[in-house]
Amino acid sequence: MPPGVRIIFTLVFAVPALIVVIRWLWPLPIPLWAKVPAALLMIGASQFHLWSRLSSGSVFAPEFPRLLVILFNWAFGVLLLLAVLQLILDVGAVLTMIARREVVRTPDWLRYAAAALAAVAGSVAVANALRVPPIKDVTVRIRGLPASFDGYRIVQLTDLHISRLFTAGWARAVVDRSNQAGADLIVVTGDFIDGSVEMRRADIAPLGQLQAPDGVYAIPGNHEYFFSYPAWMRHLAGMGFRMLPNAHTVIRRDDAGLVIAGVTDLSAPSVGEAAPDLVRALQDAPAGAPVVLLDHQPRQARTAAQRGVALQLSGHTHGGMLVGLDRFVARANAGFVSGHYELGDMTLYVSNGTGLWPGFALRLGVPSEITRITLRRR
């Protein structure tokens, strides 16, 4: 991460803590000797990503005990939610002052109530992030789908982020649930990990047990490029994943075919790897066969639709993670953040993600999922 981006990253995550310190903590009638360490603790908690970088060399791989990673995420979640609640209280106070034409002070009990609500909501948000997702059923209708593929089922996993937070036990439970979903094909649309092969070897091992009649196919996400992309591609292939970086395969049923294509991630050129290339991915694909495209980020979906793709499966956005925040995440991803989008004859499906980046493991109103997609003829 460039130094300038790192500074912006640090400042952005410090903002909720600063709001809480200035607008929530400081007005409370508690001694200064208690306020100062509390303020320092809040600011320190907001800099989880700095401590992560010091622990592993990367903000994306906190190498702390799992409980500490959970506590850091909970603390930041509480700070973020309390900052929002405090701003709401401040707006309410200003409106009341305008209406009454007199100075109004927010009662201390309201501040304490806001803190209690933030603490509970933060706990729920972390618990939602850590759960093993349920199966979410999605039906996609494809024009020209051969009759032999009507009812074909694909399980999509994405954004697993195997790490100190999402460990082997969680991965094993995801594998068991996916294998029991009755899919014809399993796909993983990137962001397997946070960490190097050496860091994550044991925790990612259960994913090698994913099984489906037509195989398990995958593409890299942006996080694979943060941690030695070539090493991870070799390791994933060795685990049995059929990787599709700017490549495709054809699933056959009788005399009909279904193309499963994949592209690399948009971040690939930043580390000297091949950029996403849909033309190359579809080179020599059978004419007329419907194409299911695996693309980690949804931003290029309109281009895929123009090139005749029938279904694009993406992740990356984590669904926006929190209600309200999802609108900002959508803006950063060409308007796509979660669920179905119809783009002409193409359907884009953006999964909320199976796991979550351990640096922001919070979910409120945006549940994680293991997606079971059933293809139907249109």
Protein backbone atom coordinates (compact mmCIF):
# COMPACT_ATOMS: atom_id res chain seq x y z
CA MET A 1 0.00 0.00 0.00
CA PRO A 2 1.54 3.37 -1.03
CA PRO A 3 2.41 5.71 1.89
CA GLY A 4 -0.16 8.32 0.80
CA VAL A 5 -2.95 5.74 0.70
CA ARG A 6 -1.79 4.39 4.05
CA ILE A 7 -2.11 7.83 5.64
CA ILE A 8 -5.61 8.32 4.20
CA PHE A 9 -6.54 4.83 5.41
CA THR A 10 -5.35 5.70 8.93
CA LEU A 11 -7.20 9.01 9.03
CA VAL A 12 -10.48 7.57 7.73
CA PHE A 13 -10.55 4.90 10.42
CA ALA A 14 -9.62 7.47 13.07
CA VAL A 15 -12.63 9.70 12.31
CA PRO A 16 -15.27 7.69 14.25
CA ALA A 17 -13.00 7.56 17.30
CA LEU A 18 -12.36 11.30 17.16
CA ILE A 19 -16.09 12.02 16.92
CA VAL A 20 -16.76 9.80 19.92
CA VAL A 21 -13.95 11.36 21.97
CA ILE A 22 -14.90 14.96 21.18
CA ARG A 23 -18.68 14.78 21.04
CA TRP A 24 -19.53 11.85 23.36
CA LEU A 25 -16.76 11.31 25.91
CA TRP A 26 -15.51 14.82 26.63
CA PRO A 27 -18.88 16.40 27.59
CA LEU A 28 -19.55 13.63 30.16
CA PRO A 29 -19.14 14.60 33.84
CA ILE A 30 -16.29 12.19 34.57
CA PRO A 31 -12.79 13.04 35.87
CA LEU A 32 -10.07 14.06 33.45
CA TRP A 33 -7.84 11.25 34.71
CA ALA A 34 -10.45 8.79 33.41
CA LYS A 35 -11.21 10.63 30.17
CA VAL A 36 -7.64 10.75 28.89
CA PRO A 37 -6.88 7.00 29.03
CA ALA A 38 -10.37 6.25 27.67
CA ALA A 39 -9.73 8.60 24.74
CA LEU A 40 -6.34 7.02 24.05
CA LEU A 41 -7.88 3.55 24.20
CA MET A 42 -10.56 4.55 21.69
CA ILE A 43 -8.06 6.06 19.27
CA GLY A 44 -5.82 3.01 19.67
CA ALA A 45 -8.71 0.66 18.91
CA SER A 46 -9.51 2.63 15.76
CA GLN A 47 -5.98 1.95 14.50
CA PHE A 48 -6.40 -1.83 14.36
CA HIS A 49 -5.07 -1.73 10.81
CA LEU A 50 -1.84 -0.08 11.93
CA TRP A 51 -1.34 -2.81 14.53
CA SER A 52 -2.14 -5.39 11.83
CA ARG A 53 0.57 -4.00 9.59
CA LEU A 54 3.05 -4.10 12.45
CA SER A 55 2.09 -7.73 13.18
CA SER A 56 2.38 -9.10 9.64
CA GLY A 57 3.59 -6.38 7.29
CA SER A 58 0.10 -5.97 5.84
CA VAL A 59 -3.05 -4.18 6.97
CA PHE A 60 -4.98 -7.07 5.44
CA ALA A 61 -3.62 -9.84 7.67
CA PRO A 62 -3.88 -9.25 11.42
CA GLU A 63 -1.65 -11.88 13.00
CA PHE A 64 -3.16 -11.77 16.47
CA PRO A 65 -5.01 -14.44 18.44
CA ARG A 66 -8.54 -14.84 17.11
CA LEU A 67 -10.16 -13.46 20.26
CA LEU A 68 -8.12 -10.27 19.96
CA VAL A 69 -9.14 -9.87 16.30
CA ILE A 70 -12.78 -10.27 17.36
CA LEU A 71 -12.38 -7.70 20.15
CA PHE A 72 -10.74 -5.20 17.81
CA ASN A 73 -13.60 -5.56 15.32
CA TRP A 74 -16.18 -5.22 18.08
CA ALA A 75 -14.46 -2.11 19.46
CA PHE A 76 -14.29 -0.46 16.06
CA GLY A 77 -17.90 -1.40 15.39
CA VAL A 78 -18.97 0.21 18.66
CA LEU A 79 -16.99 3.36 17.85
CA LEU A 80 -18.48 3.58 14.37
CA LEU A 81 -22.06 3.05 15.55
CA LEU A 82 -21.66 5.35 18.54
CA ALA A 83 -20.24 8.07 16.28
CA VAL A 84 -23.33 7.81 14.07
CA LEU A 85 -25.68 7.86 17.07
CA GLN A 86 -23.87 10.83 18.58
CA LEU A 87 -24.17 12.76 15.33
CA ILE A 88 -27.90 12.00 15.33
CA LEU A 89 -28.13 13.32 18.90
CA ASP A 90 -26.23 16.45 17.87
CA VAL A 91 -28.54 17.09 14.94
CA GLY A 92 -31.52 16.60 17.24
CA ALA A 93 -30.06 19.09 19.72
CA VAL A 94 -29.47 21.69 17.00
CA LEU A 95 -33.02 21.32 15.67
CA THR A 96 -34.39 21.62 19.22
CA MET A 97 -32.35 24.79 19.80
CA ILE A 98 -33.69 26.29 16.59
CA ALA A 99 -37.26 25.43 17.56
CA ARG A 100 -36.97 26.66 21.16
CA ARG A 101 -34.49 29.47 20.51
CA GLU A 102 -32.49 28.49 23.55
CA VAL A 103 -29.35 26.48 24.29
CA VAL A 104 -30.06 22.77 24.69
CA ARG A 105 -27.66 20.22 26.16
CA THR A 106 -27.96 16.53 25.36
CA PRO A 107 -28.79 14.72 28.63
CA ASP A 108 -26.08 12.39 29.90
CA TRP A 109 -28.52 9.50 30.09
CA LEU A 110 -29.03 9.76 26.33
CA ARG A 111 -25.28 9.54 25.79
CA TYR A 112 -25.06 6.45 27.99
CA ALA A 113 -28.07 4.91 26.24
CA ALA A 114 -26.43 5.53 22.86
CA ALA A 115 -23.26 3.81 24.09
CA ALA A 116 -25.23 0.81 25.35
CA LEU A 117 -27.09 0.53 22.05
CA ALA A 118 -23.83 0.76 20.10
CA ALA A 119 -22.26 -1.95 22.26
CA VAL A 120 -25.17 -4.33 21.70
CA ALA A 121 -25.39 -3.57 17.97
CA GLY A 122 -21.62 -4.01 17.64
CA SER A 123 -21.89 -7.44 19.25
CA VAL A 124 -24.67 -8.43 16.86
CA ALA A 125 -22.67 -7.11 13.89
CA VAL A 126 -19.62 -9.19 14.78
CA ALA A 127 -21.71 -12.30 15.46
CA ASN A 128 -23.40 -11.90 12.07
CA ALA A 129 -20.01 -11.63 10.38
CA LEU A 130 -18.60 -14.74 12.07
CA ARG A 131 -21.45 -17.15 11.46
CA VAL A 132 -21.34 -20.01 8.99
CA PRO A 133 -23.73 -18.70 6.33
CA PRO A 134 -26.93 -20.48 5.39
CA ILE A 135 -27.71 -21.54 1.84
CA LYS A 136 -29.37 -18.76 -0.13
CA ASP A 137 -31.36 -19.95 -3.14
CA VAL A 138 -31.33 -17.84 -6.28
CA THR A 139 -32.98 -18.65 -9.60
CA VAL A 140 -31.53 -17.22 -12.81
CA ARG A 141 -33.34 -17.49 -16.13
CA ILE A 142 -31.11 -17.66 -19.18
CA ARG A 143 -32.25 -17.11 -22.73
CA GLY A 144 -31.23 -20.03 -24.92
CA LEU A 145 -30.24 -22.31 -22.05
CA PRO A 146 -30.18 -25.88 -23.41
CA ALA A 147 -32.90 -28.12 -21.99
CA SER A 148 -30.26 -30.43 -20.53
CA PHE A 149 -29.05 -27.57 -18.29
CA ASP A 150 -32.51 -26.52 -17.12
CA GLY A 151 -32.34 -26.91 -13.33
CA TYR A 152 -28.52 -26.95 -13.28
CA ARG A 153 -27.27 -25.87 -9.85
CA ILE A 154 -24.15 -23.87 -9.06
CA VAL A 155 -22.95 -23.13 -5.53
CA GLN A 156 -21.03 -19.86 -5.32
CA LEU A 157 -18.61 -19.13 -2.51
CA THR A 158 -16.81 -15.82 -2.43
CA ASP A 159 -14.80 -13.59 -0.11
CA LEU A 160 -13.93 -16.38 2.29
CA HIS A 161 -10.98 -14.39 3.66
CA ILE A 162 -9.41 -17.34 5.45
CA SER A 163 -7.38 -15.72 8.21
CA ARG A 164 -6.87 -15.61 11.95
CA LEU A 165 -10.57 -14.74 12.11
CA PHE A 166 -11.96 -17.31 9.67
CA THR A 167 -10.00 -20.40 10.59
CA ALA A 168 -9.99 -24.09 9.69
CA GLY A 169 -13.06 -24.89 11.80
CA TRP A 170 -15.14 -22.26 10.05
CA ALA A 171 -13.81 -23.34 6.64
CA ARG A 172 -14.68 -26.96 7.39
CA ALA A 173 -18.26 -26.01 8.28
CA VAL A 174 -18.58 -24.01 5.05
CA VAL A 175 -17.29 -27.00 3.07
CA ASP A 176 -19.73 -29.38 4.74
CA ARG A 177 -22.68 -27.10 4.04
CA SER A 178 -21.60 -26.51 0.43
CA ASN A 179 -21.05 -30.20 -0.28
CA GLN A 180 -24.52 -30.99 1.08
CA ALA A 181 -26.20 -28.38 -1.14
CA GLY A 182 -26.67 -30.78 -4.06
CA ALA A 183 -24.81 -28.61 -6.57
CA ASP A 184 -23.67 -29.76 -9.98
CA LEU A 185 -20.78 -27.31 -9.85
CA ILE A 186 -19.05 -25.24 -7.16
CA VAL A 187 -17.33 -21.95 -7.95
CA VAL A 188 -15.25 -19.63 -5.78
CA THR A 189 -15.16 -16.05 -7.05
CA GLY A 190 -12.01 -14.87 -5.32
CA ASP A 191 -10.61 -13.54 -2.05
CA PHE A 192 -9.83 -16.94 -0.61
CA ILE A 193 -7.38 -15.60 1.96
CA ASP A 194 -5.72 -12.86 3.93
CA GLY A 195 -2.11 -13.86 4.42
CA SER A 196 0.68 -15.79 2.75
CA VAL A 197 0.61 -19.50 1.93
CA GLU A 198 2.80 -20.13 4.97
CA MET A 199 0.40 -18.22 7.23
CA ARG A 200 -2.80 -19.80 5.93
CA ARG A 201 -1.79 -23.31 4.83
CA ALA A 202 -3.53 -25.14 7.70
CA ASP A 203 -6.65 -22.98 7.82
CA ILE A 204 -7.35 -23.16 4.09
CA ALA A 205 -6.76 -26.92 3.90
CA PRO A 206 -10.44 -27.90 4.47
CA LEU A 207 -11.40 -26.13 1.23
CA GLY A 208 -9.62 -28.92 -0.62
CA GLN A 209 -12.58 -31.14 0.37
CA LEU A 210 -15.10 -29.19 -1.72
CA GLN A 211 -16.73 -31.62 -4.14
CA ALA A 212 -19.26 -31.42 -6.97
CA PRO A 213 -19.98 -33.72 -9.93
CA ASP A 214 -18.72 -31.19 -12.49
CA GLY A 215 -15.83 -29.97 -10.37
CA VAL A 216 -14.76 -26.93 -8.38
CA TYR A 217 -13.65 -23.87 -10.36
CA ALA A 218 -12.25 -20.59 -9.10
CA ILE A 219 -10.70 -17.24 -9.91
CA PRO A 220 -8.46 -14.96 -7.87
CA GLY A 221 -9.77 -11.92 -6.04
CA ASN A 222 -7.86 -8.76 -5.27
CA HIS A 223 -6.57 -10.12 -1.96
CA GLU A 224 -4.70 -12.97 -3.65
CA TYR A 225 -2.57 -10.29 -5.33
CA PHE A 226 -1.66 -8.78 -1.96
CA PHE A 227 0.08 -12.00 -0.87
CA SER A 228 2.26 -13.51 -3.62
CA TYR A 229 -0.22 -14.28 -6.37
CA PRO A 230 1.95 -16.94 -8.10
CA ALA A 231 2.39 -18.86 -4.86
CA TRP A 232 -1.32 -18.83 -4.14
CA MET A 233 -2.25 -19.88 -7.67
CA ARG A 234 0.09 -22.87 -7.41
CA HIS A 235 -1.21 -23.77 -3.97
CA LEU A 236 -4.89 -23.51 -4.90
CA ALA A 237 -4.34 -25.61 -8.02
CA GLY A 238 -2.54 -28.17 -5.88
CA MET A 239 -5.57 -28.31 -3.59
CA GLY A 240 -7.76 -29.32 -6.53
CA PHE A 241 -9.22 -25.99 -7.60
CA ARG A 242 -9.46 -25.58 -11.36
CA MET A 243 -8.34 -21.99 -11.72
CA LEU A 244 -9.70 -19.89 -14.60
CA PRO A 245 -7.54 -16.75 -14.90
CA ASN A 246 -8.63 -15.36 -18.29
CA ALA A 247 -9.66 -18.85 -19.30
CA HIS A 248 -12.74 -21.03 -19.70
CA THR A 249 -13.96 -24.58 -19.59
CA VAL A 250 -17.02 -26.23 -21.12
CA ILE A 251 -19.45 -28.36 -19.14
CA ARG A 252 -21.15 -30.93 -21.36
CA ARG A 253 -24.64 -32.38 -21.12
CA ASP A 254 -25.57 -34.66 -24.01
CA ASP A 255 -24.68 -32.61 -27.09
CA ALA A 256 -25.04 -29.23 -25.35
CA GLY A 257 -22.46 -27.11 -23.58
CA LEU A 258 -22.29 -24.49 -20.83
CA VAL A 259 -19.22 -22.25 -20.80
CA ILE A 260 -17.71 -21.41 -17.41
CA ALA A 261 -15.26 -18.55 -17.89
CA GLY A 262 -13.13 -16.59 -15.48
CA VAL A 263 -11.04 -13.44 -15.51
CA THR A 264 -8.29 -12.08 -13.32
CA ASP A 265 -8.91 -9.21 -10.93
CA LEU A 266 -8.76 -5.52 -11.78
CA SER A 267 -5.93 -5.12 -9.27
CA ALA A 268 -3.68 -7.59 -11.13
CA PRO A 269 -1.71 -5.03 -13.19
CA SER A 270 -0.64 -3.21 -10.02
CA VAL A 271 1.61 -6.18 -9.19
CA GLY A 272 2.66 -6.93 -12.75
CA GLU A 273 0.12 -9.67 -13.46
CA ALA A 274 -2.26 -10.01 -16.41
CA ALA A 275 -5.26 -7.69 -16.42
CA PRO A 276 -8.79 -9.08 -16.83
CA ASP A 277 -9.24 -10.10 -20.47
CA LEU A 278 -12.67 -11.41 -21.37
CA VAL A 279 -11.78 -11.78 -25.05
CA ARG A 280 -8.92 -14.08 -24.14
CA ALA A 281 -11.06 -15.91 -21.59
CA LEU A 282 -13.65 -16.75 -24.25
CA GLN A 283 -11.22 -17.55 -27.05
CA ASP A 284 -12.33 -20.74 -28.85
CA ALA A 285 -15.44 -21.08 -26.68
CA PRO A 286 -18.22 -22.91 -28.56
CA ALA A 287 -20.48 -20.49 -30.41
CA GLY A 288 -24.00 -20.28 -29.09
CA ALA A 289 -23.25 -21.89 -25.72
CA PRO A 290 -24.41 -19.77 -22.75
CA VAL A 291 -21.53 -18.22 -20.81
CA VAL A 292 -21.32 -18.04 -17.02
CA LEU A 293 -18.58 -15.57 -16.13
CA LEU A 294 -16.70 -15.51 -12.84
CA ASP A 295 -15.41 -12.00 -12.15
CA HIS A 296 -14.49 -11.08 -8.59
CA GLN A 297 -15.42 -7.41 -8.92
CA PRO A 298 -18.74 -6.44 -10.53
CA ARG A 299 -17.54 -3.16 -12.02
CA GLN A 300 -17.09 -4.48 -15.57
CA ALA A 301 -20.48 -6.18 -15.76
CA ARG A 302 -21.85 -3.87 -18.45
CA THR A 303 -18.94 -4.77 -20.71
CA ALA A 304 -19.57 -8.47 -20.10
CA ALA A 305 -23.24 -7.99 -21.00
CA GLN A 306 -22.28 -6.31 -24.27
CA ARG A 307 -20.09 -9.29 -25.12
CA GLY A 308 -22.88 -11.80 -24.77
CA VAL A 309 -22.30 -13.23 -21.30
CA ALA A 310 -25.49 -14.81 -19.93
CA LEU A 311 -24.67 -14.75 -16.20
CA GLN A 312 -21.91 -13.02 -14.25
CA LEU A 313 -21.13 -14.10 -10.70
CA SER A 314 -19.23 -11.62 -8.55
CA GLY A 315 -18.43 -10.76 -4.95
CA HIS A 316 -15.91 -8.25 -3.58
CA THR A 317 -18.43 -5.77 -2.13
CA HIS A 318 -19.43 -7.92 0.87
CA GLY A 319 -22.89 -6.55 0.11
CA GLY A 320 -21.90 -3.26 1.70
CA MET A 321 -21.67 -4.87 5.16
CA LEU A 322 -23.91 -2.36 6.95
CA VAL A 323 -27.25 -0.94 5.91
CA GLY A 324 -26.55 2.62 4.84
CA LEU A 325 -22.90 1.96 4.10
CA ASP A 326 -24.01 -0.22 1.19
CA ARG A 327 -24.97 2.89 -0.79
CA PHE A 328 -21.39 4.16 -0.63
CA VAL A 329 -20.00 0.74 -1.54
CA ALA A 330 -22.32 0.63 -4.56
CA ARG A 331 -20.95 3.96 -5.81
CA ALA A 332 -17.43 2.54 -5.70
CA ASN A 333 -18.52 -0.50 -7.73
CA ALA A 334 -20.34 1.01 -10.71
CA GLY A 335 -23.66 0.91 -8.85
CA PHE A 336 -23.51 -2.81 -8.03
CA VAL A 337 -23.39 -4.00 -4.42
CA SER A 338 -25.71 -6.93 -3.68
CA GLY A 339 -28.08 -9.34 -5.38
CA HIS A 340 -29.66 -9.46 -8.85
CA TYR A 341 -29.10 -6.95 -11.63
CA GLU A 342 -30.55 -7.35 -15.12
CA LEU A 343 -28.30 -5.88 -17.82
CA GLY A 344 -30.02 -6.56 -21.11
CA ASP A 345 -29.96 -10.32 -21.63
CA MET A 346 -27.34 -10.80 -18.90
CA THR A 347 -27.97 -11.34 -15.20
CA LEU A 348 -25.35 -10.10 -12.76
CA TYR A 349 -25.44 -11.66 -9.32
CA VAL A 350 -23.32 -10.03 -6.61
CA SER A 351 -23.00 -12.19 -3.51
CA ASN A 352 -22.85 -10.60 -0.07
CA GLY A 353 -19.91 -12.90 0.56
CA THR A 354 -19.35 -16.07 2.54
CA GLY A 355 -16.81 -14.51 4.89
CA LEU A 356 -15.44 -11.02 5.36
CA TRP A 357 -12.17 -9.12 5.53
CA PRO A 358 -10.96 -9.44 9.15
CA GLY A 359 -10.21 -5.72 9.23
CA PHE A 360 -13.92 -4.82 9.05
CA ALA A 361 -15.81 -7.89 10.23
CA LEU A 362 -19.20 -6.30 10.81
CA ARG A 363 -22.60 -7.08 9.31
CA LEU A 364 -25.92 -5.42 10.07
CA GLY A 365 -28.81 -6.03 7.70
CA VAL A 366 -26.49 -7.55 5.09
CA PRO A 367 -26.25 -11.29 5.80
CA SER A 368 -23.45 -13.51 4.55
CA GLU A 369 -24.40 -16.33 2.21
CA ILE A 370 -23.53 -19.55 0.48
CA THR A 371 -25.36 -19.02 -2.79
CA ARG A 372 -27.09 -21.88 -4.61
CA ILE A 373 -27.98 -20.71 -8.10
CA THR A 374 -30.45 -22.70 -10.16
CA LEU A 375 -30.38 -22.07 -13.90
CA ARG A 376 -33.70 -22.05 -15.73
CA ARG A 377 -34.63 -21.54 -19.35
CA ARG A 378 -36.09 -18.17 -20.21
